[in-house]
PDB file of N, CA and C in Angstrom:
ATOM      1  N   MET A   1      30.995 -88.334  -5.236  1.00  0.00           N
ATOM      2  CA  MET A   1      32.157 -87.504  -5.468  1.00  0.00           C
ATOM      3  C   MET A   1      32.768 -87.794  -6.842  1.00  0.00           C
ATOM      4  N   ARG A   2      32.831 -89.054  -7.188  1.00  0.00           N
ATOM      5  CA  ARG A   2      33.368 -89.413  -8.507  1.00  0.00           C
ATOM      6  C   ARG A   2      32.489 -88.856  -9.621  1.00  0.00           C
ATOM      7  N   ARG A   3      31.206 -88.872  -9.396  1.00  0.00           N
ATOM      8  CA  ARG A   3      30.276 -88.359 -10.399  1.00  0.00           C
ATOM      9  C   ARG A   3      30.505 -86.859 -10.609  1.00  0.00           C
ATOM     10  N   LEU A   4      30.729 -86.144  -9.529  1.00  0.00           N
ATOM     11  CA  LEU A   4      30.987 -84.703  -9.622  1.00  0.00           C
ATOM     12  C   LEU A   4      32.282 -84.434 -10.375  1.00  0.00           C
ATOM     13  N   LEU A   5      33.328 -85.169 -10.056  1.00  0.00           N
ATOM     14  CA  LEU A   5      34.613 -84.979 -10.730  1.00  0.00           C
ATOM     15  C   LEU A   5      34.537 -85.313 -12.210  1.00  0.00           C
ATOM     16  N   SER A   6      33.840 -86.390 -12.541  1.00  0.00           N
ATOM     17  CA  SER A   6      33.728 -86.750 -13.955  1.00  0.00           C
ATOM     18  C   SER A   6      32.880 -85.724 -14.711  1.00  0.00           C
ATOM     19  N   ARG A   7      31.868 -85.164 -14.049  1.00  0.00           N
ATOM     20  CA  ARG A   7      31.050 -84.147 -14.687  1.00  0.00           C
ATOM     21  C   ARG A   7      31.849 -82.865 -14.908  1.00  0.00           C
ATOM     22  N   LEU A   8      32.683 -82.497 -13.938  1.00  0.00           N
ATOM     23  CA  LEU A   8      33.508 -81.306 -14.094  1.00  0.00           C
ATOM     24  C   LEU A   8      34.555 -81.491 -15.187  1.00  0.00           C
ATOM     25  N   ARG A   9      35.058 -82.710 -15.319  1.00  0.00           N
ATOM     26  CA  ARG A   9      36.059 -82.981 -16.342  1.00  0.00           C
ATOM     27  C   ARG A   9      35.463 -82.834 -17.742  1.00  0.00           C
ATOM     28  N   ARG A  10      34.211 -83.205 -17.902  1.00  0.00           N
ATOM     29  CA  ARG A  10      33.546 -83.110 -19.201  1.00  0.00           C
ATOM     30  C   ARG A  10      32.962 -81.721 -19.456  1.00  0.00           C
ATOM     31  N   ASP A  11      32.797 -80.946 -18.412  1.00  0.00           N
ATOM     32  CA  ASP A  11      32.149 -79.641 -18.521  1.00  0.00           C
ATOM     33  C   ASP A  11      33.117 -78.602 -19.080  1.00  0.00           C
ATOM     34  N   ASP A  12      32.731 -77.954 -20.179  1.00  0.00           N
ATOM     35  CA  ASP A  12      33.579 -76.935 -20.798  1.00  0.00           C
ATOM     36  C   ASP A  12      33.562 -75.624 -20.025  1.00  0.00           C
ATOM     37  N   GLU A  13      32.514 -75.380 -19.264  1.00  0.00           N
ATOM     38  CA  GLU A  13      32.427 -74.127 -18.522  1.00  0.00           C
ATOM     39  C   GLU A  13      33.494 -74.040 -17.441  1.00  0.00           C
ATOM     40  N   ALA A  14      33.854 -75.154 -16.841  1.00  0.00           N
ATOM     41  CA  ALA A  14      34.903 -75.142 -15.825  1.00  0.00           C
ATOM     42  C   ALA A  14      36.236 -74.757 -16.447  1.00  0.00           C
ATOM     43  N   ALA A  15      36.519 -75.278 -17.621  1.00  0.00           N
ATOM     44  CA  ALA A  15      37.758 -74.922 -18.311  1.00  0.00           C
ATOM     45  C   ALA A  15      37.750 -73.444 -18.694  1.00  0.00           C
ATOM     46  N   THR A  16      36.618 -72.940 -19.119  1.00  0.00           N
ATOM     47  CA  THR A  16      36.511 -71.536 -19.492  1.00  0.00           C
ATOM     48  C   THR A  16      36.735 -70.644 -18.277  1.00  0.00           C
ATOM     49  N   ALA A  17      36.198 -71.021 -17.141  1.00  0.00           N
ATOM     50  CA  ALA A  17      36.385 -70.232 -15.922  1.00  0.00           C
ATOM     51  C   ALA A  17      37.856 -70.191 -15.527  1.00  0.00           C
ATOM     52  N   VAL A  18      38.542 -71.296 -15.663  1.00  0.00           N
ATOM     53  CA  VAL A  18      39.967 -71.334 -15.344  1.00  0.00           C
ATOM     54  C   VAL A  18      40.751 -70.457 -16.310  1.00  0.00           C
ATOM     55  N   GLU A  19      40.410 -70.505 -17.580  1.00  0.00           N
ATOM     56  CA  GLU A  19      41.089 -69.665 -18.572  1.00  0.00           C
ATOM     57  C   GLU A  19      40.884 -68.183 -18.266  1.00  0.00           C
ATOM     58  N   TYR A  20      39.667 -67.808 -17.913  1.00  0.00           N
ATOM     59  CA  TYR A  20      39.403 -66.413 -17.565  1.00  0.00           C
ATOM     60  C   TYR A  20      40.172 -66.010 -16.308  1.00  0.00           C
ATOM     61  N   ALA A  21      40.265 -66.893 -15.350  1.00  0.00           N
ATOM     62  CA  ALA A  21      41.007 -66.589 -14.122  1.00  0.00           C
ATOM     63  C   ALA A  21      42.487 -66.378 -14.422  1.00  0.00           C
ATOM     64  N   ILE A  22      43.043 -67.191 -15.304  1.00  0.00           N
ATOM     65  CA  ILE A  22      44.452 -67.038 -15.675  1.00  0.00           C
ATOM     66  C   ILE A  22      44.666 -65.720 -16.428  1.00  0.00           C
ATOM     67  N   MET A  23      43.767 -65.403 -17.347  1.00  0.00           N
ATOM     68  CA  MET A  23      43.882 -64.138 -18.078  1.00  0.00           C
ATOM     69  C   MET A  23      43.781 -62.950 -17.127  1.00  0.00           C
ATOM     70  N   LEU A  24      42.849 -63.014 -16.181  1.00  0.00           N
ATOM     71  CA  LEU A  24      42.694 -61.932 -15.218  1.00  0.00           C
ATOM     72  C   LEU A  24      43.954 -61.763 -14.382  1.00  0.00           C
ATOM     73  N   ALA A  25      44.545 -62.875 -13.955  1.00  0.00           N
ATOM     74  CA  ALA A  25      45.776 -62.803 -13.171  1.00  0.00           C
ATOM     75  C   ALA A  25      46.903 -62.161 -13.980  1.00  0.00           C
ATOM     76  N   LEU A  26      47.036 -62.517 -15.254  1.00  0.00           N
ATOM     77  CA  LEU A  26      48.079 -61.936 -16.093  1.00  0.00           C
ATOM     78  C   LEU A  26      47.847 -60.444 -16.330  1.00  0.00           C
ATOM     79  N   ILE A  27      46.599 -60.064 -16.508  1.00  0.00           N
ATOM     80  CA  ILE A  27      46.276 -58.644 -16.690  1.00  0.00           C
ATOM     81  C   ILE A  27      46.602 -57.861 -15.424  1.00  0.00           C
ATOM     82  N   LEU A  28      46.260 -58.411 -14.266  1.00  0.00           N
ATOM     83  CA  LEU A  28      46.558 -57.733 -13.005  1.00  0.00           C
ATOM     84  C   LEU A  28      48.055 -57.577 -12.793  1.00  0.00           C
ATOM     85  N   ILE A  29      48.823 -58.595 -13.153  1.00  0.00           N
ATOM     86  CA  ILE A  29      50.283 -58.494 -13.031  1.00  0.00           C
ATOM     87  C   ILE A  29      50.813 -57.393 -13.944  1.00  0.00           C
ATOM     88  N   ALA A  30      50.302 -57.317 -15.160  1.00  0.00           N
ATOM     89  CA  ALA A  30      50.734 -56.280 -16.094  1.00  0.00           C
ATOM     90  C   ALA A  30      50.375 -54.882 -15.578  1.00  0.00           C
ATOM     91  N   VAL A  31      49.181 -54.736 -15.027  1.00  0.00           N
ATOM     92  CA  VAL A  31      48.755 -53.435 -14.501  1.00  0.00           C
ATOM     93  C   VAL A  31      49.616 -53.035 -13.307  1.00  0.00           C
ATOM     94  N   MET A  32      49.872 -53.967 -12.406  1.00  0.00           N
ATOM     95  CA  MET A  32      50.700 -53.651 -11.236  1.00  0.00           C
ATOM     96  C   MET A  32      52.125 -53.281 -11.644  1.00  0.00           C
ATOM     97  N   THR A  33      52.654 -53.957 -12.653  1.00  0.00           N
ATOM     98  CA  THR A  33      53.990 -53.631 -13.137  1.00  0.00           C
ATOM     99  C   THR A  33      54.017 -52.230 -13.746  1.00  0.00           C
ATOM    100  N   ALA A  34      53.001 -51.897 -14.518  1.00  0.00           N
ATOM    101  CA  ALA A  34      52.925 -50.566 -15.123  1.00  0.00           C
ATOM    102  C   ALA A  34      52.788 -49.479 -14.062  1.00  0.00           C
ATOM    103  N   ILE A  35      51.966 -49.719 -13.069  1.00  0.00           N
ATOM    104  CA  ILE A  35      51.787 -48.735 -11.994  1.00  0.00           C
ATOM    105  C   ILE A  35      53.095 -48.535 -11.238  1.00  0.00           C
ATOM    106  N   ASN A  36      53.806 -49.619 -10.985  1.00  0.00           N
ATOM    107  CA  ASN A  36      55.083 -49.527 -10.288  1.00  0.00           C
ATOM    108  C   ASN A  36      56.088 -48.718 -11.106  1.00  0.00           C
ATOM    109  N   ALA A  37      56.150 -48.958 -12.411  1.00  0.00           N
ATOM    110  CA  ALA A  37      57.086 -48.230 -13.273  1.00  0.00           C
ATOM    111  C   ALA A  37      56.735 -46.747 -13.332  1.00  0.00           C
ATOM    112  N   ILE A  38      55.466 -46.449 -13.472  1.00  0.00           N
ATOM    113  CA  ILE A  38      55.021 -45.052 -13.525  1.00  0.00           C
ATOM    114  C   ILE A  38      55.270 -44.371 -12.185  1.00  0.00           C
ATOM    115  N   GLY A  39      55.029 -45.086 -11.103  1.00  0.00           N
ATOM    116  CA  GLY A  39      55.254 -44.522  -9.772  1.00  0.00           C
ATOM    117  C   GLY A  39      56.706 -44.182  -9.531  1.00  0.00           C
ATOM    118  N   SER A  40      57.599 -45.047  -9.968  1.00  0.00           N
ATOM    119  CA  SER A  40      59.030 -44.778  -9.800  1.00  0.00           C
ATOM    120  C   SER A  40      59.451 -43.562 -10.605  1.00  0.00           C
ATOM    121  N   THR A  41      58.947 -43.436 -11.809  1.00  0.00           N
ATOM    122  CA  THR A  41      59.286 -42.302 -12.669  1.00  0.00           C
ATOM    123  C   THR A  41      58.722 -41.003 -12.104  1.00  0.00           C
ATOM    124  N   SER A  42      57.478 -41.028 -11.696  1.00  0.00           N
ATOM    125  CA  SER A  42      56.859 -39.797 -11.194  1.00  0.00           C
ATOM    126  C   SER A  42      57.434 -39.395  -9.841  1.00  0.00           C
ATOM    127  N   SER A  43      57.962 -40.323  -9.089  1.00  0.00           N
ATOM    128  CA  SER A  43      58.586 -39.996  -7.813  1.00  0.00           C
ATOM    129  C   SER A  43      59.771 -39.066  -8.021  1.00  0.00           C
ATOM    130  N   GLY A  44      60.583 -39.351  -9.030  1.00  0.00           N
ATOM    131  CA  GLY A  44      61.717 -38.476  -9.340  1.00  0.00           C
ATOM    132  C   GLY A  44      61.273 -37.105  -9.792  1.00  0.00           C
ATOM    133  N   ILE A  45      60.210 -37.057 -10.564  1.00  0.00           N
ATOM    134  CA  ILE A  45      59.688 -35.769 -11.042  1.00  0.00           C
ATOM    135  C   ILE A  45      59.212 -34.931  -9.858  1.00  0.00           C
ATOM    136  N   TRP A  46      58.482 -35.547  -8.930  1.00  0.00           N
ATOM    137  CA  TRP A  46      57.970 -34.809  -7.779  1.00  0.00           C
ATOM    138  C   TRP A  46      59.102 -34.361  -6.871  1.00  0.00           C
ATOM    139  N   ALA A  47      60.147 -35.162  -6.742  1.00  0.00           N
ATOM    140  CA  ALA A  47      61.287 -34.770  -5.912  1.00  0.00           C
ATOM    141  C   ALA A  47      61.974 -33.537  -6.486  1.00  0.00           C
ATOM    142  N   THR A  48      62.118 -33.495  -7.809  1.00  0.00           N
ATOM    143  CA  THR A  48      62.722 -32.326  -8.471  1.00  0.00           C
ATOM    144  C   THR A  48      61.854 -31.094  -8.277  1.00  0.00           C
ATOM    145  N   ASP A  49      60.549 -31.248  -8.444  1.00  0.00           N
ATOM    146  CA  ASP A  49      59.633 -30.115  -8.263  1.00  0.00           C
ATOM    147  C   ASP A  49      59.672 -29.607  -6.824  1.00  0.00           C
ATOM    148  N   THR A  50      59.701 -30.499  -5.873  1.00  0.00           N
ATOM    149  CA  THR A  50      59.753 -30.116  -4.462  1.00  0.00           C
ATOM    150  C   THR A  50      61.025 -29.336  -4.170  1.00  0.00           C
ATOM    151  N   SER A  51      62.125 -29.801  -4.730  1.00  0.00           N
ATOM    152  CA  SER A  51      63.403 -29.107  -4.539  1.00  0.00           C
ATOM    153  C   SER A  51      63.359 -27.713  -5.142  1.00  0.00           C
ATOM    154  N   ASN A  52      62.810 -27.594  -6.345  1.00  0.00           N
ATOM    155  CA  ASN A  52      62.718 -26.276  -6.991  1.00  0.00           C
ATOM    156  C   ASN A  52      61.811 -25.324  -6.219  1.00  0.00           C
ATOM    157  N   ILE A  53      60.705 -25.812  -5.731  1.00  0.00           N
ATOM    158  CA  ILE A  53      59.784 -24.958  -4.966  1.00  0.00           C
ATOM    159  C   ILE A  53      60.419 -24.513  -3.656  1.00  0.00           C
ATOM    160  N   THR A  54      61.102 -25.446  -2.998  1.00  0.00           N
ATOM    161  CA  THR A  54      61.766 -25.106  -1.727  1.00  0.00           C
ATOM    162  C   THR A  54      62.836 -24.040  -1.957  1.00  0.00           C
ATOM    163  N   SER A  55      63.582 -24.168  -3.048  1.00  0.00           N
ATOM    164  CA  SER A  55      64.605 -23.159  -3.371  1.00  0.00           C
ATOM    165  C   SER A  55      63.965 -21.815  -3.701  1.00  0.00           C
ATOM    166  N   ALA A  56      62.835 -21.834  -4.393  1.00  0.00           N
ATOM    167  CA  ALA A  56      62.176 -20.605  -4.781  1.00  0.00           C
ATOM    168  C   ALA A  56      61.624 -19.821  -3.604  1.00  0.00           C
ATOM    169  N   ILE A  57      61.199 -20.513  -2.559  1.00  0.00           N
ATOM    170  CA  ILE A  57      60.635 -19.794  -1.404  1.00  0.00           C
ATOM    171  C   ILE A  57      61.698 -19.504  -0.350  1.00  0.00           C
ATOM    172  N   GLY A  58      62.954 -19.803  -0.685  1.00  0.00           N
ATOM    173  CA  GLY A  58      64.046 -19.427   0.211  1.00  0.00           C
ATOM    174  C   GLY A  58      64.387 -20.486   1.249  1.00  0.00           C
ATOM    175  N   GLY A  59      63.987 -21.714   0.995  1.00  0.00           N
ATOM    176  CA  GLY A  59      64.330 -22.806   1.923  1.00  0.00           C
ATOM    177  C   GLY A  59      65.745 -23.287   1.672  1.00  0.00           C
ATOM    178  N   SER A  60      66.160 -24.245   2.443  1.00  0.00           N
ATOM    179  CA  SER A  60      67.529 -24.735   2.302  1.00  0.00           C
ATOM    180  C   SER A  60      67.674 -25.779   1.240  1.00  0.00           C
TER     181      SER A  60
END
């Protein structure tokens, strides 16, 4: 077990994998935040359109 840990500590590929995982997590957070912001904005647009269409066809 000690041999495995010491080998991982010296191995640059393990550090690279961790760096890529952190970058991927940050990218996913940014994408989810953007989707949430766009969703909130488009929700208001669709509500306005729905109201206009309902009024146009004689709804309440």
